[in-house]
Amino acid sequence: MQNDTPAERCIHEERVKYAVESMPPEDDIATMAARFKAISEPSRLKILLALSCGELCVEHLTQAVGGNQSAVSHQLKILKDNKIVKARRNGKQVMYSVSDGHVMTMISVAKEHLGCDE
């Protein structure tokens, strides 16, 4: 049995120090986790994939992703609450679009990795 302290056993103290110093605040981590959770649900992911082609109203989103308008509206509210999509009124219609291009970048990277065995 070794009597080394954890600090004596650690050969990567600088890495640990850097990891601690570069860690975002807890509130930011919670926000990131909430956004990952929001995009990880399959129907919300389908909505985002449809919106990657451009702005759409609820009716057209429902046609694009399947399901019913009530369910799509519910999923859009979750995406909107997480600031992933935005809405704008166009007469009687509400048009939805992706508000954060970074989310679409993450989804594109995930799509690219579907066939990877790495």
PDB file of N, CA and C in Angstrom:
ATOM      1  N   MET A   1       0.835  -1.173   0.000  1.00  0.00           N
ATOM      2  CA  MET A   1       0.000   0.000   0.000  1.00  0.00           C
ATOM      3  C   MET A   1       0.883   1.239   0.000  1.00  0.00           C
ATOM      4  N   GLN A   2       0.546   2.189  -0.856  1.00  0.00           N
ATOM      5  CA  GLN A   2       1.320   3.426  -0.927  1.00  0.00           C
ATOM      6  C   GLN A   2       0.780   4.441   0.068  1.00  0.00           C
ATOM      7  N   ASN A   3       1.677   5.256   0.580  1.00  0.00           N
ATOM      8  CA  ASN A   3       1.285   6.308   1.514  1.00  0.00           C
ATOM      9  C   ASN A   3       1.331   7.681   0.855  1.00  0.00           C
ATOM     10  N   ASP A   4       1.399   7.699  -0.464  1.00  0.00           N
ATOM     11  CA  ASP A   4       1.448   8.974  -1.175  1.00  0.00           C
ATOM     12  C   ASP A   4       0.126   9.719  -0.993  1.00  0.00           C
ATOM     13  N   THR A   5       0.220  11.030  -0.898  1.00  0.00           N
ATOM     14  CA  THR A   5      -0.995  11.841  -0.877  1.00  0.00           C
ATOM     15  C   THR A   5      -1.488  11.968  -2.314  1.00  0.00           C
ATOM     16  N   PRO A   6      -2.766  12.304  -2.506  1.00  0.00           N
ATOM     17  CA  PRO A   6      -3.263  12.463  -3.882  1.00  0.00           C
ATOM     18  C   PRO A   6      -2.428  13.439  -4.697  1.00  0.00           C
ATOM     19  N   ALA A   7      -1.951  14.517  -4.077  1.00  0.00           N
ATOM     20  CA  ALA A   7      -1.136  15.501  -4.804  1.00  0.00           C
ATOM     21  C   ALA A   7       0.192  14.902  -5.246  1.00  0.00           C
ATOM     22  N   GLU A   8       0.756  14.011  -4.437  1.00  0.00           N
ATOM     23  CA  GLU A   8       2.030  13.383  -4.798  1.00  0.00           C
ATOM     24  C   GLU A   8       1.842  12.368  -5.922  1.00  0.00           C
ATOM     25  N   ARG A   9       0.684  11.720  -5.982  1.00  0.00           N
ATOM     26  CA  ARG A   9       0.416  10.737  -7.030  1.00  0.00           C
ATOM     27  C   ARG A   9       0.060  11.406  -8.355  1.00  0.00           C
ATOM     28  N   CYS A  10      -0.444  12.614  -8.291  1.00  0.00           N
ATOM     29  CA  CYS A  10      -0.906  13.308  -9.493  1.00  0.00           C
ATOM     30  C   CYS A  10       0.281  13.889 -10.255  1.00  0.00           C
ATOM     31  N   ILE A  11       0.428  13.436 -11.484  1.00  0.00           N
ATOM     32  CA  ILE A  11       1.522  13.961 -12.304  1.00  0.00           C
ATOM     33  C   ILE A  11       1.017  15.025 -13.283  1.00  0.00           C
ATOM     34  N   HIS A  12      -0.266  15.326 -13.195  1.00  0.00           N
ATOM     35  CA  HIS A  12      -0.863  16.284 -14.126  1.00  0.00           C
ATOM     36  C   HIS A  12      -1.460  17.472 -13.379  1.00  0.00           C
ATOM     37  N   GLU A  13      -0.745  17.961 -12.385  1.00  0.00           N
ATOM     38  CA  GLU A  13      -1.264  19.055 -11.569  1.00  0.00           C
ATOM     39  C   GLU A  13      -1.601  20.289 -12.400  1.00  0.00           C
ATOM     40  N   GLU A  14      -0.785  20.590 -13.397  1.00  0.00           N
ATOM     41  CA  GLU A  14      -1.048  21.764 -14.233  1.00  0.00           C
ATOM     42  C   GLU A  14      -2.339  21.583 -15.026  1.00  0.00           C
ATOM     43  N   ARG A  15      -2.581  20.356 -15.494  1.00  0.00           N
ATOM     44  CA  ARG A  15      -3.820  20.099 -16.238  1.00  0.00           C
ATOM     45  C   ARG A  15      -5.032  20.261 -15.325  1.00  0.00           C
ATOM     46  N   VAL A  16      -4.920  19.746 -14.113  1.00  0.00           N
ATOM     47  CA  VAL A  16      -6.019  19.870 -13.154  1.00  0.00           C
ATOM     48  C   VAL A  16      -6.270  21.343 -12.850  1.00  0.00           C
ATOM     49  N   LYS A  17      -5.213  22.086 -12.624  1.00  0.00           N
ATOM     50  CA  LYS A  17      -5.331  23.517 -12.339  1.00  0.00           C
ATOM     51  C   LYS A  17      -6.007  24.232 -13.507  1.00  0.00           C
ATOM     52  N   TYR A  18      -5.588  23.913 -14.721  1.00  0.00           N
ATOM     53  CA  TYR A  18      -6.180  24.527 -15.908  1.00  0.00           C
ATOM     54  C   TYR A  18      -7.658  24.149 -16.033  1.00  0.00           C
ATOM     55  N   ALA A  19      -7.971  22.877 -15.763  1.00  0.00           N
ATOM     56  CA  ALA A  19      -9.368  22.424 -15.839  1.00  0.00           C
ATOM     57  C   ALA A  19     -10.244  23.187 -14.852  1.00  0.00           C
ATOM     58  N   VAL A  20      -9.757  23.360 -13.654  1.00  0.00           N
ATOM     59  CA  VAL A  20     -10.514  24.087 -12.628  1.00  0.00           C
ATOM     60  C   VAL A  20     -10.680  25.549 -13.027  1.00  0.00           C
ATOM     61  N   GLU A  21      -9.616  26.167 -13.497  1.00  0.00           N
ATOM     62  CA  GLU A  21      -9.663  27.583 -13.859  1.00  0.00           C
ATOM     63  C   GLU A  21     -10.538  27.850 -15.082  1.00  0.00           C
ATOM     64  N   SER A  22     -10.619  26.894 -15.987  1.00  0.00           N
ATOM     65  CA  SER A  22     -11.390  27.118 -17.210  1.00  0.00           C
ATOM     66  C   SER A  22     -12.839  26.635 -17.100  1.00  0.00           C
ATOM     67  N   MET A  23     -13.204  26.073 -15.953  1.00  0.00           N
ATOM     68  CA  MET A  23     -14.568  25.589 -15.751  1.00  0.00           C
ATOM     69  C   MET A  23     -15.534  26.772 -15.704  1.00  0.00           C
ATOM     70  N   PRO A  24     -16.589  26.733 -16.518  1.00  0.00           N
ATOM     71  CA  PRO A  24     -17.569  27.828 -16.480  1.00  0.00           C
ATOM     72  C   PRO A  24     -18.310  27.848 -15.137  1.00  0.00           C
ATOM     73  N   PRO A  25     -18.956  28.956 -14.824  1.00  0.00           N
ATOM     74  CA  PRO A  25     -19.757  29.018 -13.596  1.00  0.00           C
ATOM     75  C   PRO A  25     -20.891  27.985 -13.625  1.00  0.00           C
ATOM     76  N   GLU A  26     -21.344  27.590 -12.450  1.00  0.00           N
ATOM     77  CA  GLU A  26     -22.397  26.570 -12.333  1.00  0.00           C
ATOM     78  C   GLU A  26     -23.654  26.947 -13.111  1.00  0.00           C
ATOM     79  N   ASP A  27     -24.030  28.222 -13.103  1.00  0.00           N
ATOM     80  CA  ASP A  27     -25.220  28.656 -13.846  1.00  0.00           C
ATOM     81  C   ASP A  27     -25.064  28.391 -15.339  1.00  0.00           C
ATOM     82  N   ASP A  28     -23.873  28.646 -15.866  1.00  0.00           N
ATOM     83  CA  ASP A  28     -23.620  28.398 -17.288  1.00  0.00           C
ATOM     84  C   ASP A  28     -23.673  26.907 -17.599  1.00  0.00           C
ATOM     85  N   ILE A  29     -23.149  26.090 -16.709  1.00  0.00           N
ATOM     86  CA  ILE A  29     -23.188  24.637 -16.907  1.00  0.00           C
ATOM     87  C   ILE A  29     -24.633  24.154 -16.904  1.00  0.00           C
ATOM     88  N   ALA A  30     -25.445  24.681 -15.996  1.00  0.00           N
ATOM     89  CA  ALA A  30     -26.861  24.301 -15.940  1.00  0.00           C
ATOM     90  C   ALA A  30     -27.585  24.707 -17.223  1.00  0.00           C
ATOM     91  N   THR A  31     -27.271  25.887 -17.751  1.00  0.00           N
ATOM     92  CA  THR A  31     -27.882  26.342 -19.002  1.00  0.00           C
ATOM     93  C   THR A  31     -27.474  25.440 -20.158  1.00  0.00           C
ATOM     94  N   MET A  32     -26.195  25.090 -20.228  1.00  0.00           N
ATOM     95  CA  MET A  32     -25.728  24.189 -21.290  1.00  0.00           C
ATOM     96  C   MET A  32     -26.434  22.847 -21.200  1.00  0.00           C
ATOM     97  N   ALA A  33     -26.545  22.303 -19.996  1.00  0.00           N
ATOM     98  CA  ALA A  33     -27.199  21.005 -19.806  1.00  0.00           C
ATOM     99  C   ALA A  33     -28.662  21.073 -20.235  1.00  0.00           C
ATOM    100  N   ALA A  34     -29.343  22.160 -19.900  1.00  0.00           N
ATOM    101  CA  ALA A  34     -30.746  22.318 -20.288  1.00  0.00           C
ATOM    102  C   ALA A  34     -30.890  22.379 -21.802  1.00  0.00           C
ATOM    103  N   ARG A  35     -29.971  23.055 -22.461  1.00  0.00           N
ATOM    104  CA  ARG A  35     -30.052  23.149 -23.924  1.00  0.00           C
ATOM    105  C   ARG A  35     -29.744  21.805 -24.586  1.00  0.00           C
ATOM    106  N   PHE A  36     -28.764  21.080 -24.056  1.00  0.00           N
ATOM    107  CA  PHE A  36     -28.509  19.740 -24.588  1.00  0.00           C
ATOM    108  C   PHE A  36     -29.732  18.852 -24.392  1.00  0.00           C
ATOM    109  N   LYS A  37     -30.359  18.952 -23.236  1.00  0.00           N
ATOM    110  CA  LYS A  37     -31.561  18.156 -22.964  1.00  0.00           C
ATOM    111  C   LYS A  37     -32.664  18.524 -23.953  1.00  0.00           C
ATOM    112  N   ALA A  38     -32.817  19.822 -24.223  1.00  0.00           N
ATOM    113  CA  ALA A  38     -33.863  20.280 -25.135  1.00  0.00           C
ATOM    114  C   ALA A  38     -33.668  19.737 -26.545  1.00  0.00           C
ATOM    115  N   ILE A  39     -32.436  19.695 -27.018  1.00  0.00           N
ATOM    116  CA  ILE A  39     -32.227  19.229 -28.395  1.00  0.00           C
ATOM    117  C   ILE A  39     -32.104  17.715 -28.485  1.00  0.00           C
ATOM    118  N   SER A  40     -32.013  17.029 -27.351  1.00  0.00           N
ATOM    119  CA  SER A  40     -31.803  15.578 -27.402  1.00  0.00           C
ATOM    120  C   SER A  40     -33.096  14.796 -27.599  1.00  0.00           C
ATOM    121  N   GLU A  41     -34.246  15.428 -27.456  1.00  0.00           N
ATOM    122  CA  GLU A  41     -35.518  14.734 -27.638  1.00  0.00           C
ATOM    123  C   GLU A  41     -35.775  14.594 -29.138  1.00  0.00           C
ATOM    124  N   PRO A  42     -36.100  13.385 -29.627  1.00  0.00           N
ATOM    125  CA  PRO A  42     -36.200  13.157 -31.077  1.00  0.00           C
ATOM    126  C   PRO A  42     -37.133  14.098 -31.832  1.00  0.00           C
ATOM    127  N   SER A  43     -38.341  14.392 -31.304  1.00  0.00           N
ATOM    128  CA  SER A  43     -39.215  15.275 -32.079  1.00  0.00           C
ATOM    129  C   SER A  43     -38.689  16.699 -32.139  1.00  0.00           C
ATOM    130  N   ARG A  44     -38.035  17.149 -31.077  1.00  0.00           N
ATOM    131  CA  ARG A  44     -37.440  18.495 -31.121  1.00  0.00           C
ATOM    132  C   ARG A  44     -36.255  18.523 -32.078  1.00  0.00           C
ATOM    133  N   LEU A  45     -35.509  17.453 -32.120  1.00  0.00           N
ATOM    134  CA  LEU A  45     -34.392  17.363 -33.061  1.00  0.00           C
ATOM    135  C   LEU A  45     -34.909  17.405 -34.498  1.00  0.00           C
ATOM    136  N   LYS A  46     -36.010  16.710 -34.766  1.00  0.00           N
ATOM    137  CA  LYS A  46     -36.610  16.751 -36.107  1.00  0.00           C
ATOM    138  C   LYS A  46     -37.064  18.169 -36.461  1.00  0.00           C
ATOM    139  N   ILE A  47     -37.632  18.862 -35.498  1.00  0.00           N
ATOM    140  CA  ILE A  47     -38.060  20.246 -35.740  1.00  0.00           C
ATOM    141  C   ILE A  47     -36.855  21.108 -36.110  1.00  0.00           C
ATOM    142  N   LEU A  48     -35.766  20.951 -35.376  1.00  0.00           N
ATOM    143  CA  LEU A  48     -34.559  21.729 -35.680  1.00  0.00           C
ATOM    144  C   LEU A  48     -33.997  21.379 -37.049  1.00  0.00           C
ATOM    145  N   LEU A  49     -34.020  20.106 -37.396  1.00  0.00           N
ATOM    146  CA  LEU A  49     -33.545  19.707 -38.725  1.00  0.00           C
ATOM    147  C   LEU A  49     -34.413  20.330 -39.812  1.00  0.00           C
ATOM    148  N   ALA A  50     -35.728  20.374 -39.590  1.00  0.00           N
ATOM    149  CA  ALA A  50     -36.620  21.014 -40.560  1.00  0.00           C
ATOM    150  C   ALA A  50     -36.333  22.513 -40.641  1.00  0.00           C
ATOM    151  N   LEU A  51     -36.116  23.147 -39.488  1.00  0.00           N
ATOM    152  CA  LEU A  51     -35.840  24.589 -39.477  1.00  0.00           C
ATOM    153  C   LEU A  51     -34.474  24.929 -40.050  1.00  0.00           C
ATOM    154  N   SER A  52     -33.599  23.941 -40.146  1.00  0.00           N
ATOM    155  CA  SER A  52     -32.290  24.207 -40.753  1.00  0.00           C
ATOM    156  C   SER A  52     -32.438  24.550 -42.235  1.00  0.00           C
ATOM    157  N   CYS A  53     -33.581  24.201 -42.812  1.00  0.00           N
ATOM    158  CA  CYS A  53     -33.857  24.527 -44.216  1.00  0.00           C
ATOM    159  C   CYS A  53     -34.444  25.924 -44.370  1.00  0.00           C
ATOM    160  N   GLY A  54     -34.805  26.543 -43.252  1.00  0.00           N
ATOM    161  CA  GLY A  54     -35.358  27.891 -43.291  1.00  0.00           C
ATOM    162  C   GLY A  54     -36.561  28.031 -42.380  1.00  0.00           C
ATOM    163  N   GLU A  55     -37.041  29.243 -42.295  1.00  0.00           N
ATOM    164  CA  GLU A  55     -38.153  29.611 -41.430  1.00  0.00           C
ATOM    165  C   GLU A  55     -39.438  28.891 -41.852  1.00  0.00           C
ATOM    166  N   LEU A  56     -40.190  28.387 -40.859  1.00  0.00           N
ATOM    167  CA  LEU A  56     -41.445  27.685 -41.141  1.00  0.00           C
ATOM    168  C   LEU A  56     -42.488  28.024 -40.083  1.00  0.00           C
ATOM    169  N   CYS A  57     -43.762  27.953 -40.473  1.00  0.00           N
ATOM    170  CA  CYS A  57     -44.851  28.113 -39.513  1.00  0.00           C
ATOM    171  C   CYS A  57     -45.175  26.739 -38.912  1.00  0.00           C
ATOM    172  N   VAL A  58     -46.011  26.726 -37.874  1.00  0.00           N
ATOM    173  CA  VAL A  58     -46.343  25.472 -37.192  1.00  0.00           C
ATOM    174  C   VAL A  58     -46.981  24.476 -38.155  1.00  0.00           C
ATOM    175  N   GLU A  59     -47.864  24.953 -39.002  1.00  0.00           N
ATOM    176  CA  GLU A  59     -48.542  24.054 -39.944  1.00  0.00           C
ATOM    177  C   GLU A  59     -47.534  23.350 -40.856  1.00  0.00           C
ATOM    178  N   HIS A  60     -46.607  24.104 -41.398  1.00  0.00           N
ATOM    179  CA  HIS A  60     -45.609  23.507 -42.291  1.00  0.00           C
ATOM    180  C   HIS A  60     -44.622  22.632 -41.523  1.00  0.00           C
ATOM    181  N   LEU A  61     -44.284  23.023 -40.298  1.00  0.00           N
ATOM    182  CA  LEU A  61     -43.426  22.172 -39.470  1.00  0.00           C
ATOM    183  C   LEU A  61     -44.113  20.840 -39.186  1.00  0.00           C
ATOM    184  N   THR A  62     -45.412  20.891 -38.914  1.00  0.00           N
ATOM    185  CA  THR A  62     -46.168  19.664 -38.653  1.00  0.00           C
ATOM    186  C   THR A  62     -46.125  18.745 -39.869  1.00  0.00           C
ATOM    187  N   GLN A  63     -46.277  19.315 -41.046  1.00  0.00           N
ATOM    188  CA  GLN A  63     -46.181  18.514 -42.273  1.00  0.00           C
ATOM    189  C   GLN A  63     -44.781  17.933 -42.439  1.00  0.00           C
ATOM    190  N   ALA A  64     -43.775  18.718 -42.116  1.00  0.00           N
ATOM    191  CA  ALA A  64     -42.388  18.287 -42.322  1.00  0.00           C
ATOM    192  C   ALA A  64     -41.968  17.190 -41.351  1.00  0.00           C
ATOM    193  N   VAL A  65     -42.401  17.285 -40.095  1.00  0.00           N
ATOM    194  CA  VAL A  65     -41.911  16.335 -39.088  1.00  0.00           C
ATOM    195  C   VAL A  65     -42.928  15.264 -38.723  1.00  0.00           C
ATOM    196  N   GLY A  66     -44.172  15.420 -39.155  1.00  0.00           N
ATOM    197  CA  GLY A  66     -45.205  14.459 -38.784  1.00  0.00           C
ATOM    198  C   GLY A  66     -45.775  14.798 -37.415  1.00  0.00           C
ATOM    199  N   GLY A  67     -46.760  14.042 -37.017  1.00  0.00           N
ATOM    200  CA  GLY A  67     -47.390  14.305 -35.726  1.00  0.00           C
ATOM    201  C   GLY A  67     -48.534  15.275 -35.877  1.00  0.00           C
ATOM    202  N   ASN A  68     -48.948  15.852 -34.758  1.00  0.00           N
ATOM    203  CA  ASN A  68     -50.052  16.803 -34.811  1.00  0.00           C
ATOM    204  C   ASN A  68     -49.580  18.188 -34.379  1.00  0.00           C
ATOM    205  N   GLN A  69     -50.384  19.175 -34.738  1.00  0.00           N
ATOM    206  CA  GLN A  69     -49.990  20.562 -34.522  1.00  0.00           C
ATOM    207  C   GLN A  69     -49.818  20.880 -33.039  1.00  0.00           C
ATOM    208  N   SER A  70     -50.650  20.305 -32.192  1.00  0.00           N
ATOM    209  CA  SER A  70     -50.545  20.552 -30.754  1.00  0.00           C
ATOM    210  C   SER A  70     -49.204  20.063 -30.205  1.00  0.00           C
ATOM    211  N   ALA A  71     -48.799  18.874 -30.628  1.00  0.00           N
ATOM    212  CA  ALA A  71     -47.520  18.312 -30.165  1.00  0.00           C
ATOM    213  C   ALA A  71     -46.342  19.144 -30.672  1.00  0.00           C
ATOM    214  N   VAL A  72     -46.404  19.563 -31.929  1.00  0.00           N
ATOM    215  CA  VAL A  72     -45.323  20.382 -32.494  1.00  0.00           C
ATOM    216  C   VAL A  72     -45.254  21.723 -31.764  1.00  0.00           C
ATOM    217  N   SER A  73     -46.412  22.320 -31.485  1.00  0.00           N
ATOM    218  CA  SER A  73     -46.437  23.590 -30.749  1.00  0.00           C
ATOM    219  C   SER A  73     -45.823  23.435 -29.361  1.00  0.00           C
ATOM    220  N   HIS A  74     -46.133  22.327 -28.705  1.00  0.00           N
ATOM    221  CA  HIS A  74     -45.566  22.060 -27.375  1.00  0.00           C
ATOM    222  C   HIS A  74     -44.038  21.964 -27.450  1.00  0.00           C
ATOM    223  N   GLN A  75     -43.534  21.235 -28.442  1.00  0.00           N
ATOM    224  CA  GLN A  75     -42.082  21.085 -28.587  1.00  0.00           C
ATOM    225  C   GLN A  75     -41.427  22.422 -28.949  1.00  0.00           C
ATOM    226  N   LEU A  76     -42.099  23.216 -29.760  1.00  0.00           N
ATOM    227  CA  LEU A  76     -41.575  24.540 -30.116  1.00  0.00           C
ATOM    228  C   LEU A  76     -41.468  25.439 -28.887  1.00  0.00           C
ATOM    229  N   LYS A  77     -42.437  25.341 -27.990  1.00  0.00           N
ATOM    230  CA  LYS A  77     -42.383  26.143 -26.763  1.00  0.00           C
ATOM    231  C   LYS A  77     -41.143  25.795 -25.949  1.00  0.00           C
ATOM    232  N   ILE A  78     -40.836  24.510 -25.845  1.00  0.00           N
ATOM    233  CA  ILE A  78     -39.646  24.091 -25.098  1.00  0.00           C
ATOM    234  C   ILE A  78     -38.384  24.635 -25.768  1.00  0.00           C
ATOM    235  N   LEU A  79     -38.318  24.533 -27.086  1.00  0.00           N
ATOM    236  CA  LEU A  79     -37.154  25.053 -27.815  1.00  0.00           C
ATOM    237  C   LEU A  79     -37.052  26.572 -27.670  1.00  0.00           C
ATOM    238  N   LYS A  80     -38.192  27.233 -27.700  1.00  0.00           N
ATOM    239  CA  LYS A  80     -38.205  28.690 -27.551  1.00  0.00           C
ATOM    240  C   LYS A  80     -37.796  29.094 -26.132  1.00  0.00           C
ATOM    241  N   ASP A  81     -38.313  28.392 -25.131  1.00  0.00           N
ATOM    242  CA  ASP A  81     -37.956  28.690 -23.736  1.00  0.00           C
ATOM    243  C   ASP A  81     -36.456  28.535 -23.492  1.00  0.00           C
ATOM    244  N   ASN A  82     -35.823  27.648 -24.249  1.00  0.00           N
ATOM    245  CA  ASN A  82     -34.380  27.422 -24.121  1.00  0.00           C
ATOM    246  C   ASN A  82     -33.573  28.277 -25.092  1.00  0.00           C
ATOM    247  N   LYS A  83     -34.251  29.229 -25.742  1.00  0.00           N
ATOM    248  CA  LYS A  83     -33.612  30.186 -26.659  1.00  0.00           C
ATOM    249  C   LYS A  83     -32.909  29.510 -27.841  1.00  0.00           C
ATOM    250  N   ILE A  84     -33.472  28.375 -28.268  1.00  0.00           N
ATOM    251  CA  ILE A  84     -32.905  27.646 -29.397  1.00  0.00           C
ATOM    252  C   ILE A  84     -33.622  28.038 -30.688  1.00  0.00           C
ATOM    253  N   VAL A  85     -34.918  28.319 -30.581  1.00  0.00           N
ATOM    254  CA  VAL A  85     -35.663  28.843 -31.725  1.00  0.00           C
ATOM    255  C   VAL A  85     -36.278  30.181 -31.332  1.00  0.00           C
ATOM    256  N   LYS A  86     -36.599  30.953 -32.360  1.00  0.00           N
ATOM    257  CA  LYS A  86     -37.274  32.230 -32.134  1.00  0.00           C
ATOM    258  C   LYS A  86     -38.507  32.281 -33.021  1.00  0.00           C
ATOM    259  N   ALA A  87     -39.437  33.141 -32.647  1.00  0.00           N
ATOM    260  CA  ALA A  87     -40.690  33.273 -33.386  1.00  0.00           C
ATOM    261  C   ALA A  87     -40.879  34.727 -33.791  1.00  0.00           C
ATOM    262  N   ARG A  88     -41.513  34.898 -34.936  1.00  0.00           N
ATOM    263  CA  ARG A  88     -41.904  36.249 -35.359  1.00  0.00           C
ATOM    264  C   ARG A  88     -43.275  36.154 -36.004  1.00  0.00           C
ATOM    265  N   ARG A  89     -44.073  37.153 -35.744  1.00  0.00           N
ATOM    266  CA  ARG A  89     -45.423  37.174 -36.293  1.00  0.00           C
ATOM    267  C   ARG A  89     -45.381  37.708 -37.720  1.00  0.00           C
ATOM    268  N   ASN A  90     -46.105  37.019 -38.602  1.00  0.00           N
ATOM    269  CA  ASN A  90     -46.242  37.424 -40.000  1.00  0.00           C
ATOM    270  C   ASN A  90     -47.738  37.394 -40.307  1.00  0.00           C
ATOM    271  N   GLY A  91     -48.421  38.510 -40.040  1.00  0.00           N
ATOM    272  CA  GLY A  91     -49.875  38.520 -40.168  1.00  0.00           C
ATOM    273  C   GLY A  91     -50.478  37.625 -39.098  1.00  0.00           C
ATOM    274  N   LYS A  92     -51.262  36.636 -39.520  1.00  0.00           N
ATOM    275  CA  LYS A  92     -51.883  35.706 -38.574  1.00  0.00           C
ATOM    276  C   LYS A  92     -50.980  34.526 -38.248  1.00  0.00           C
ATOM    277  N   GLN A  93     -49.924  34.352 -39.008  1.00  0.00           N
ATOM    278  CA  GLN A  93     -49.020  33.218 -38.792  1.00  0.00           C
ATOM    279  C   GLN A  93     -47.860  33.605 -37.889  1.00  0.00           C
ATOM    280  N   VAL A  94     -47.366  32.598 -37.176  1.00  0.00           N
ATOM    281  CA  VAL A  94     -46.134  32.767 -36.413  1.00  0.00           C
ATOM    282  C   VAL A  94     -45.078  31.934 -37.128  1.00  0.00           C
ATOM    283  N   MET A  95     -44.001  32.582 -37.497  1.00  0.00           N
ATOM    284  CA  MET A  95     -42.922  31.910 -38.211  1.00  0.00           C
ATOM    285  C   MET A  95     -41.803  31.591 -37.226  1.00  0.00           C
ATOM    286  N   TYR A  96     -41.279  30.381 -37.315  1.00  0.00           N
ATOM    287  CA  TYR A  96     -40.214  29.930 -36.414  1.00  0.00           C
ATOM    288  C   TYR A  96     -38.921  29.754 -37.188  1.00  0.00           C
ATOM    289  N   SER A  97     -37.819  30.060 -36.507  1.00  0.00           N
ATOM    290  CA  SER A  97     -36.494  29.860 -37.090  1.00  0.00           C
ATOM    291  C   SER A  97     -35.514  29.544 -35.966  1.00  0.00           C
ATOM    292  N   VAL A  98     -34.367  29.036 -36.355  1.00  0.00           N
ATOM    293  CA  VAL A  98     -33.320  28.720 -35.382  1.00  0.00           C
ATOM    294  C   VAL A  98     -32.700  30.032 -34.927  1.00  0.00           C
ATOM    295  N   SER A  99     -32.608  30.223 -33.622  1.00  0.00           N
ATOM    296  CA  SER A  99     -32.057  31.480 -33.112  1.00  0.00           C
ATOM    297  C   SER A  99     -30.574  31.387 -32.791  1.00  0.00           C
ATOM    298  N   ASP A 100     -30.063  30.172 -32.712  1.00  0.00           N
ATOM    299  CA  ASP A 100     -28.658  29.990 -32.354  1.00  0.00           C
ATOM    300  C   ASP A 100     -27.997  29.068 -33.369  1.00  0.00           C
ATOM    301  N   GLY A 101     -27.206  29.647 -34.253  1.00  0.00           N
ATOM    302  CA  GLY A 101     -26.530  28.863 -35.282  1.00  0.00           C
ATOM    303  C   GLY A 101     -25.577  27.827 -34.722  1.00  0.00           C
ATOM    304  N   HIS A 102     -25.084  28.061 -33.503  1.00  0.00           N
ATOM    305  CA  HIS A 102     -24.173  27.093 -32.889  1.00  0.00           C
ATOM    306  C   HIS A 102     -24.856  25.751 -32.666  1.00  0.00           C
ATOM    307  N   VAL A 103     -26.148  25.791 -32.361  1.00  0.00           N
ATOM    308  CA  VAL A 103     -26.896  24.546 -32.160  1.00  0.00           C
ATOM    309  C   VAL A 103     -26.906  23.740 -33.452  1.00  0.00           C
ATOM    310  N   MET A 104     -27.110  24.419 -34.574  1.00  0.00           N
ATOM    311  CA  MET A 104     -27.128  23.712 -35.853  1.00  0.00           C
ATOM    312  C   MET A 104     -25.745  23.173 -36.193  1.00  0.00           C
ATOM    313  N   THR A 105     -24.705  23.868 -35.782  1.00  0.00           N
ATOM    314  CA  THR A 105     -23.345  23.357 -35.985  1.00  0.00           C
ATOM    315  C   THR A 105     -23.160  22.054 -35.221  1.00  0.00           C
ATOM    316  N   MET A 106     -23.631  22.019 -33.974  1.00  0.00           N
ATOM    317  CA  MET A 106     -23.521  20.786 -33.177  1.00  0.00           C
ATOM    318  C   MET A 106     -24.307  19.646 -33.815  1.00  0.00           C
ATOM    319  N   ILE A 107     -25.496  19.957 -34.330  1.00  0.00           N
ATOM    320  CA  ILE A 107     -26.314  18.927 -34.970  1.00  0.00           C
ATOM    321  C   ILE A 107     -25.634  18.434 -36.243  1.00  0.00           C
ATOM    322  N   SER A 108     -25.043  19.333 -37.014  1.00  0.00           N
ATOM    323  CA  SER A 108     -24.322  18.934 -38.230  1.00  0.00           C
ATOM    324  C   SER A 108     -23.154  18.017 -37.905  1.00  0.00           C
ATOM    325  N   VAL A 109     -22.416  18.351 -36.855  1.00  0.00           N
ATOM    326  CA  VAL A 109     -21.288  17.506 -36.444  1.00  0.00           C
ATOM    327  C   VAL A 109     -21.799  16.138 -36.007  1.00  0.00           C
ATOM    328  N   ALA A 110     -22.909  16.110 -35.275  1.00  0.00           N
ATOM    329  CA  ALA A 110     -23.483  14.830 -34.844  1.00  0.00           C
ATOM    330  C   ALA A 110     -23.901  13.995 -36.052  1.00  0.00           C
ATOM    331  N   LYS A 111     -24.495  14.641 -37.064  1.00  0.00           N
ATOM    332  CA  LYS A 111     -24.885  13.913 -38.280  1.00  0.00           C
ATOM    333  C   LYS A 111     -23.664  13.334 -38.985  1.00  0.00           C
ATOM    334  N   GLU A 112     -22.582  14.102 -39.042  1.00  0.00           N
ATOM    335  CA  GLU A 112     -21.355  13.628 -39.689  1.00  0.00           C
ATOM    336  C   GLU A 112     -20.793  12.397 -38.992  1.00  0.00           C
ATOM    337  N   HIS A 113     -20.990  12.304 -37.696  1.00  0.00           N
ATOM    338  CA  HIS A 113     -20.422  11.203 -36.919  1.00  0.00           C
ATOM    339  C   HIS A 113     -21.313   9.973 -36.868  1.00  0.00           C
ATOM    340  N   LEU A 114     -22.469  10.005 -37.505  1.00  0.00           N
ATOM    341  CA  LEU A 114     -23.365   8.850 -37.472  1.00  0.00           C
ATOM    342  C   LEU A 114     -22.709   7.588 -38.011  1.00  0.00           C
ATOM    343  N   GLY A 115     -21.909   7.710 -39.042  1.00  0.00           N
ATOM    344  CA  GLY A 115     -21.285   6.544 -39.655  1.00  0.00           C
ATOM    345  C   GLY A 115     -19.895   6.235 -39.148  1.00  0.00           C
ATOM    346  N   CYS A 116     -19.418   7.028 -38.209  1.00  0.00           N
ATOM    347  CA  CYS A 116     -18.051   6.825 -37.712  1.00  0.00           C
ATOM    348  C   CYS A 116     -18.003   5.726 -36.666  1.00  0.00           C
ATOM    349  N   ASP A 117     -16.946   4.952 -36.707  1.00  0.00           N
ATOM    350  CA  ASP A 117     -16.739   3.899 -35.710  1.00  0.00           C
ATOM    351  C   ASP A 117     -15.644   4.270 -34.731  1.00  0.00           C
ATOM    352  N   GLU A 118     -15.264   5.525 -34.703  1.00  0.00           N
ATOM    353  CA  GLU A 118     -14.152   5.965 -33.842  1.00  0.00           C
ATOM    354  C   GLU A 118     -14.549   5.990 -32.397  1.00  0.00           C
TER     355      GLU A 118
END
